[in-house]
N, C-alpha and C. Protein backbone atom coordinates (compact mmCIF):
# COMPACT_ATOMS: atom_id res chain seq x y z
N MET A 1 0.86 -1.17 0.00
CA MET A 1 0.00 0.00 0.00
C MET A 1 0.90 1.23 0.00
N LEU A 2 0.55 2.16 -0.85
CA LEU A 2 1.30 3.40 -0.95
C LEU A 2 0.59 4.47 -0.12
N GLN A 3 1.36 5.17 0.68
CA GLN A 3 0.81 6.34 1.39
C GLN A 3 1.81 7.47 1.24
N THR A 4 1.28 8.66 1.11
CA THR A 4 2.14 9.83 1.01
C THR A 4 2.22 10.48 2.38
N GLY A 5 3.45 10.61 2.88
CA GLY A 5 3.65 11.20 4.20
C GLY A 5 3.96 12.68 4.09
N SER A 6 4.55 13.21 5.15
CA SER A 6 4.90 14.63 5.16
C SER A 6 5.94 14.90 4.07
N GLU A 7 5.87 16.10 3.52
CA GLU A 7 6.76 16.53 2.43
C GLU A 7 6.66 15.59 1.22
N ASN A 8 5.45 15.02 1.01
CA ASN A 8 5.19 14.11 -0.11
C ASN A 8 6.10 12.88 -0.12
N ARG A 9 6.60 12.50 1.05
CA ARG A 9 7.43 11.29 1.15
C ARG A 9 6.56 10.07 0.90
N GLN A 10 7.01 9.20 0.01
CA GLN A 10 6.25 8.00 -0.32
C GLN A 10 6.58 6.88 0.66
N LEU A 11 5.54 6.36 1.30
CA LEU A 11 5.70 5.28 2.26
C LEU A 11 5.03 4.03 1.71
N ILE A 12 5.72 2.93 1.77
CA ILE A 12 5.18 1.65 1.29
C ILE A 12 4.93 0.76 2.49
N PHE A 13 3.73 0.21 2.55
CA PHE A 13 3.35 -0.68 3.64
C PHE A 13 2.98 -2.06 3.11
N LEU A 14 3.37 -3.08 3.85
CA LEU A 14 2.90 -4.45 3.64
C LEU A 14 2.20 -4.87 4.91
N TYR A 15 1.69 -6.08 4.94
CA TYR A 15 1.08 -6.61 6.16
C TYR A 15 2.02 -7.61 6.81
N GLU A 16 2.07 -7.56 8.12
CA GLU A 16 2.80 -8.56 8.90
C GLU A 16 1.95 -8.89 10.11
N ARG A 17 1.53 -10.13 10.17
CA ARG A 17 0.63 -10.60 11.25
C ARG A 17 -0.62 -9.72 11.35
N GLY A 18 -1.16 -9.36 10.20
CA GLY A 18 -2.42 -8.61 10.18
C GLY A 18 -2.30 -7.12 10.43
N LYS A 19 -1.07 -6.61 10.59
CA LYS A 19 -0.88 -5.18 10.84
C LYS A 19 0.01 -4.58 9.76
N LYS A 20 -0.20 -3.28 9.49
CA LYS A 20 0.62 -2.61 8.50
C LYS A 20 2.07 -2.52 8.98
N LYS A 21 3.00 -2.81 8.05
CA LYS A 21 4.42 -2.73 8.36
C LYS A 21 5.07 -1.82 7.32
N LEU A 22 5.73 -0.77 7.79
CA LEU A 22 6.42 0.16 6.90
C LEU A 22 7.65 -0.51 6.32
N MET A 23 7.79 -0.43 5.01
CA MET A 23 8.96 -0.97 4.33
C MET A 23 9.96 0.19 4.16
N ASP A 24 10.65 0.48 5.23
CA ASP A 24 11.57 1.62 5.23
C ASP A 24 12.68 1.41 4.21
N GLY A 25 13.01 2.44 3.48
CA GLY A 25 14.08 2.37 2.50
C GLY A 25 13.64 1.85 1.14
N THR A 26 12.38 1.47 1.02
CA THR A 26 11.87 0.99 -0.26
C THR A 26 11.51 2.18 -1.13
N ARG A 27 11.95 2.14 -2.37
CA ARG A 27 11.71 3.26 -3.28
C ARG A 27 10.82 2.81 -4.43
N VAL A 28 9.81 3.61 -4.72
CA VAL A 28 8.90 3.34 -5.84
C VAL A 28 8.98 4.51 -6.81
N VAL A 29 9.07 4.18 -8.10
CA VAL A 29 9.14 5.17 -9.16
C VAL A 29 7.83 5.11 -9.94
N PHE A 30 7.36 6.26 -10.37
CA PHE A 30 6.09 6.36 -11.09
C PHE A 30 6.30 6.92 -12.48
N ALA A 31 5.39 6.61 -13.37
CA ALA A 31 5.41 7.21 -14.71
C ALA A 31 5.24 8.72 -14.55
N ASP A 32 5.73 9.46 -15.52
CA ASP A 32 5.70 10.93 -15.44
C ASP A 32 4.30 11.49 -15.27
N ASP A 33 3.30 10.80 -15.81
CA ASP A 33 1.93 11.33 -15.75
C ASP A 33 1.18 10.94 -14.48
N VAL A 34 1.88 10.32 -13.52
CA VAL A 34 1.22 9.88 -12.27
C VAL A 34 1.69 10.74 -11.11
N ASP A 35 0.73 11.30 -10.38
CA ASP A 35 1.03 12.06 -9.17
C ASP A 35 0.86 11.09 -7.99
N PRO A 36 1.95 10.69 -7.33
CA PRO A 36 1.86 9.72 -6.24
C PRO A 36 0.86 10.11 -5.15
N SER A 37 0.71 11.39 -4.88
CA SER A 37 -0.22 11.79 -3.82
C SER A 37 -1.67 11.48 -4.20
N SER A 38 -1.95 11.37 -5.50
CA SER A 38 -3.31 11.07 -5.95
C SER A 38 -3.69 9.61 -5.73
N ILE A 39 -2.70 8.76 -5.48
CA ILE A 39 -3.02 7.34 -5.24
C ILE A 39 -2.64 6.91 -3.82
N SER A 40 -2.44 7.90 -2.96
CA SER A 40 -2.12 7.60 -1.56
C SER A 40 -3.25 6.79 -0.93
N GLY A 41 -2.88 5.75 -0.21
CA GLY A 41 -3.85 4.89 0.46
C GLY A 41 -4.34 3.74 -0.40
N LYS A 42 -3.85 3.65 -1.62
CA LYS A 42 -4.29 2.59 -2.53
C LYS A 42 -3.23 1.50 -2.66
N ILE A 43 -3.72 0.32 -3.03
CA ILE A 43 -2.81 -0.81 -3.27
C ILE A 43 -2.27 -0.66 -4.68
N VAL A 44 -0.95 -0.74 -4.81
CA VAL A 44 -0.33 -0.64 -6.13
C VAL A 44 0.43 -1.92 -6.45
N GLU A 45 0.48 -2.25 -7.73
CA GLU A 45 1.26 -3.39 -8.20
C GLU A 45 2.51 -2.84 -8.84
N CYS A 46 3.65 -3.41 -8.45
CA CYS A 46 4.93 -2.90 -8.93
C CYS A 46 5.77 -4.01 -9.55
N SER A 47 6.70 -3.60 -10.39
CA SER A 47 7.70 -4.53 -10.92
C SER A 47 9.06 -4.03 -10.46
N TRP A 48 10.01 -4.95 -10.33
CA TRP A 48 11.34 -4.61 -9.83
C TRP A 48 12.22 -4.12 -10.97
N ASN A 49 12.85 -2.97 -10.78
CA ASN A 49 13.79 -2.42 -11.74
C ASN A 49 15.19 -2.65 -11.16
N LYS A 50 15.84 -3.67 -11.67
CA LYS A 50 17.15 -4.08 -11.13
C LYS A 50 18.21 -3.00 -11.32
N GLN A 51 18.20 -2.34 -12.49
CA GLN A 51 19.21 -1.32 -12.77
C GLN A 51 19.10 -0.14 -11.82
N GLU A 52 17.88 0.27 -11.52
CA GLU A 52 17.65 1.43 -10.66
C GLU A 52 17.52 1.05 -9.19
N ASP A 53 17.46 -0.25 -8.91
CA ASP A 53 17.32 -0.75 -7.54
C ASP A 53 16.07 -0.15 -6.87
N CYS A 54 14.96 -0.23 -7.59
CA CYS A 54 13.71 0.32 -7.06
C CYS A 54 12.52 -0.42 -7.68
N TRP A 55 11.35 -0.15 -7.14
CA TRP A 55 10.11 -0.70 -7.68
C TRP A 55 9.51 0.32 -8.63
N PHE A 56 8.88 -0.17 -9.70
CA PHE A 56 8.19 0.70 -10.65
C PHE A 56 6.70 0.41 -10.56
N CYS A 57 5.91 1.44 -10.28
CA CYS A 57 4.47 1.28 -10.15
C CYS A 57 3.85 1.00 -11.51
N MET A 58 3.21 -0.16 -11.63
CA MET A 58 2.59 -0.53 -12.91
C MET A 58 1.12 -0.14 -12.96
N ARG A 59 0.41 -0.36 -11.83
CA ARG A 59 -1.02 -0.07 -11.83
C ARG A 59 -1.58 -0.07 -10.42
N ILE A 60 -2.77 0.48 -10.28
CA ILE A 60 -3.51 0.44 -9.02
C ILE A 60 -4.31 -0.85 -8.99
N ARG A 61 -4.31 -1.54 -7.85
CA ARG A 61 -5.07 -2.78 -7.71
C ARG A 61 -6.39 -2.50 -7.01
N ALA A 62 -7.38 -2.09 -7.77
CA ALA A 62 -8.71 -1.78 -7.22
C ALA A 62 -9.39 -3.03 -6.68
N ASP A 63 -8.92 -4.22 -7.12
CA ASP A 63 -9.53 -5.47 -6.68
C ASP A 63 -9.02 -5.93 -5.32
N LYS A 64 -8.04 -5.23 -4.76
CA LYS A 64 -7.47 -5.62 -3.46
C LYS A 64 -7.72 -4.53 -2.42
N SER A 65 -8.02 -4.97 -1.20
CA SER A 65 -8.25 -3.99 -0.14
C SER A 65 -7.12 -3.97 0.88
N THR A 66 -6.25 -4.97 0.83
CA THR A 66 -5.11 -5.02 1.75
C THR A 66 -3.83 -5.31 0.98
N PRO A 67 -2.71 -4.79 1.47
CA PRO A 67 -1.44 -5.07 0.79
C PRO A 67 -1.01 -6.52 1.00
N ASN A 68 -0.03 -6.96 0.23
CA ASN A 68 0.51 -8.31 0.39
C ASN A 68 1.12 -8.48 1.77
N ASP A 69 1.19 -9.72 2.19
CA ASP A 69 1.86 -10.06 3.44
C ASP A 69 3.37 -9.98 3.22
N ILE A 70 4.09 -9.69 4.27
CA ILE A 70 5.55 -9.57 4.21
C ILE A 70 6.19 -10.85 3.67
N ASN A 71 5.59 -12.02 3.97
CA ASN A 71 6.15 -13.28 3.48
C ASN A 71 6.03 -13.40 1.96
N THR A 72 4.95 -12.87 1.40
CA THR A 72 4.80 -12.85 -0.07
C THR A 72 5.91 -11.99 -0.67
N TYR A 73 6.14 -10.84 -0.06
CA TYR A 73 7.21 -9.94 -0.51
C TYR A 73 8.56 -10.66 -0.46
N ARG A 74 8.83 -11.34 0.63
CA ARG A 74 10.12 -12.05 0.78
C ARG A 74 10.29 -13.12 -0.30
N LYS A 75 9.22 -13.85 -0.59
CA LYS A 75 9.29 -14.89 -1.63
C LYS A 75 9.55 -14.28 -3.00
N VAL A 76 8.88 -13.17 -3.28
CA VAL A 76 9.08 -12.49 -4.56
C VAL A 76 10.53 -12.01 -4.67
N MET A 77 11.04 -11.40 -3.61
CA MET A 77 12.42 -10.91 -3.63
C MET A 77 13.41 -12.07 -3.78
N ARG A 78 13.11 -13.19 -3.15
CA ARG A 78 13.99 -14.36 -3.27
C ARG A 78 14.01 -14.85 -4.72
N SER A 79 12.85 -14.89 -5.36
CA SER A 79 12.81 -15.35 -6.76
C SER A 79 13.51 -14.35 -7.68
N ILE A 80 13.43 -13.07 -7.35
CA ILE A 80 14.14 -12.06 -8.14
C ILE A 80 15.65 -12.24 -7.98
N THR A 81 16.09 -12.45 -6.75
CA THR A 81 17.53 -12.61 -6.50
C THR A 81 18.06 -13.92 -7.07
N ASP A 82 17.21 -14.94 -7.12
CA ASP A 82 17.63 -16.21 -7.72
C ASP A 82 17.87 -16.04 -9.22
N ASN A 83 17.26 -15.02 -9.80
CA ASN A 83 17.45 -14.67 -11.21
C ASN A 83 17.26 -15.87 -12.14
N ILE A 84 16.13 -16.51 -12.01
CA ILE A 84 15.84 -17.67 -12.85
C ILE A 84 15.37 -17.16 -14.21
N THR A 85 16.18 -17.42 -15.22
CA THR A 85 15.86 -16.97 -16.57
C THR A 85 14.98 -17.99 -17.28
N GLU A 86 14.39 -17.57 -18.37
CA GLU A 86 13.55 -18.49 -19.16
C GLU A 86 14.38 -19.66 -19.66
N ASP A 87 15.61 -19.38 -20.13
CA ASP A 87 16.48 -20.45 -20.63
C ASP A 87 16.80 -21.46 -19.54
N LYS A 88 17.07 -20.95 -18.35
CA LYS A 88 17.38 -21.82 -17.22
C LYS A 88 16.17 -22.70 -16.88
N LEU A 89 15.00 -22.09 -16.85
CA LEU A 89 13.78 -22.81 -16.54
C LEU A 89 13.48 -23.88 -17.59
N LEU A 90 13.60 -23.52 -18.86
CA LEU A 90 13.36 -24.49 -19.94
C LEU A 90 14.38 -25.63 -19.89
N GLY A 91 15.62 -25.31 -19.55
CA GLY A 91 16.65 -26.35 -19.41
C GLY A 91 16.31 -27.33 -18.30
N GLU A 92 15.88 -26.79 -17.17
CA GLU A 92 15.49 -27.64 -16.04
C GLU A 92 14.29 -28.51 -16.41
N MET A 93 13.32 -27.92 -17.11
CA MET A 93 12.14 -28.68 -17.51
C MET A 93 12.52 -29.83 -18.44
N SER A 94 13.42 -29.55 -19.37
CA SER A 94 13.87 -30.58 -20.31
C SER A 94 14.58 -31.70 -19.56
N GLU A 95 15.43 -31.32 -18.63
CA GLU A 95 16.16 -32.31 -17.84
C GLU A 95 15.21 -33.16 -17.00
N ILE A 96 14.26 -32.50 -16.37
CA ILE A 96 13.29 -33.22 -15.52
C ILE A 96 12.42 -34.14 -16.36
N SER A 97 11.97 -33.65 -17.51
CA SER A 97 11.07 -34.47 -18.33
C SER A 97 11.77 -35.69 -18.92
N SER A 98 13.10 -35.70 -18.92
CA SER A 98 13.81 -36.88 -19.43
C SER A 98 14.10 -37.90 -18.34
N LEU A 99 13.72 -37.61 -17.10
CA LEU A 99 13.89 -38.58 -16.02
C LEU A 99 13.02 -39.80 -16.32
N PRO A 100 13.47 -41.00 -15.90
CA PRO A 100 12.73 -42.23 -16.22
C PRO A 100 11.25 -42.18 -15.85
N MET A 101 10.93 -41.59 -14.72
CA MET A 101 9.52 -41.56 -14.29
C MET A 101 8.64 -40.77 -15.26
N TYR A 102 9.22 -39.80 -15.97
CA TYR A 102 8.46 -39.02 -16.95
C TYR A 102 8.68 -39.53 -18.37
N ALA A 103 9.85 -40.11 -18.64
CA ALA A 103 10.15 -40.62 -19.98
C ALA A 103 9.17 -41.71 -20.37
N ASP A 104 8.81 -42.59 -19.42
CA ASP A 104 7.85 -43.66 -19.70
C ASP A 104 6.49 -43.08 -20.07
N ARG A 105 6.05 -42.08 -19.31
CA ARG A 105 4.77 -41.44 -19.60
C ARG A 105 4.78 -40.77 -20.97
N LYS A 106 5.90 -40.10 -21.27
CA LYS A 106 6.02 -39.41 -22.55
C LYS A 106 5.99 -40.40 -23.69
N ALA A 107 6.70 -41.52 -23.55
CA ALA A 107 6.72 -42.54 -24.60
C ALA A 107 5.31 -43.08 -24.82
N HIS A 108 4.58 -43.32 -23.73
CA HIS A 108 3.21 -43.81 -23.83
C HIS A 108 2.32 -42.78 -24.54
N ALA A 109 2.46 -41.53 -24.16
CA ALA A 109 1.67 -40.46 -24.78
C ALA A 109 2.01 -40.32 -26.26
N ASP A 110 3.30 -40.46 -26.59
CA ASP A 110 3.71 -40.37 -28.00
C ASP A 110 3.12 -41.50 -28.82
N ARG A 111 3.14 -42.72 -28.26
CA ARG A 111 2.56 -43.88 -28.96
C ARG A 111 1.06 -43.68 -29.18
N LYS A 112 0.39 -43.18 -28.14
CA LYS A 112 -1.06 -42.94 -28.23
C LYS A 112 -1.36 -41.88 -29.29
N ALA A 113 -0.60 -40.79 -29.30
CA ALA A 113 -0.80 -39.72 -30.28
C ALA A 113 -0.57 -40.24 -31.69
N HIS A 114 0.46 -41.08 -31.86
CA HIS A 114 0.75 -41.64 -33.18
C HIS A 114 -0.39 -42.54 -33.64
N ALA A 115 -0.90 -43.38 -32.74
CA ALA A 115 -2.01 -44.28 -33.08
C ALA A 115 -3.25 -43.48 -33.47
N GLU A 116 -3.53 -42.40 -32.73
CA GLU A 116 -4.69 -41.56 -33.05
C GLU A 116 -4.52 -40.88 -34.41
N LYS A 117 -3.31 -40.44 -34.70
CA LYS A 117 -3.03 -39.79 -35.98
C LYS A 117 -3.24 -40.79 -37.12
N MET A 118 -2.74 -42.01 -36.94
CA MET A 118 -2.88 -43.05 -37.97
C MET A 118 -4.36 -43.39 -38.18
N ALA A 119 -5.12 -43.49 -37.09
CA ALA A 119 -6.54 -43.81 -37.20
C ALA A 119 -7.28 -42.69 -37.93
N HIS A 120 -6.91 -41.45 -37.65
CA HIS A 120 -7.54 -40.31 -38.31
C HIS A 120 -7.24 -40.33 -39.81
N GLN A 121 -5.98 -40.62 -40.17
CA GLN A 121 -5.60 -40.69 -41.58
C GLN A 121 -6.33 -41.82 -42.28
N HIS A 122 -6.48 -42.95 -41.59
CA HIS A 122 -7.17 -44.11 -42.15
C HIS A 122 -8.64 -43.76 -42.43
N ARG A 123 -9.28 -43.05 -41.49
CA ARG A 123 -10.68 -42.66 -41.66
C ARG A 123 -10.84 -41.70 -42.85
N ARG A 124 -9.86 -40.80 -43.03
CA ARG A 124 -9.92 -39.84 -44.13
C ARG A 124 -9.81 -40.54 -45.49
N ARG A 125 -9.00 -41.60 -45.54
CA ARG A 125 -8.80 -42.33 -46.80
C ARG A 125 -10.02 -43.19 -47.13
N GLY A 126 -10.62 -43.73 -46.06
CA GLY A 126 -11.67 -44.72 -46.23
C GLY A 126 -12.94 -44.16 -46.68
């Protein structure tokens, strides 16, 4: 949750054990056409800007009445720091899918798909 404090200082709050917790030192950047004081008290969705070491406000979350829990924030930050790229994820998926427990299923699915394709072609010819 974004709140504007004295001197237009932007304060970001999350929830911890059902109470608002100030995320001191957290910086949020807004598009040029957004006045942060106009969205004070609202839940905002942000993306992490690694180069600027700050959050970028993407949109107001009108569908939410409370900010995320601190544990959600920690998990998001952990996944950001883990820096799992699409290539890394696809590589892991490929490796996992070739494990024997999945290879057997895949072979069975491939045989079934081939049989269905052949049956379809046979029906078209007939």
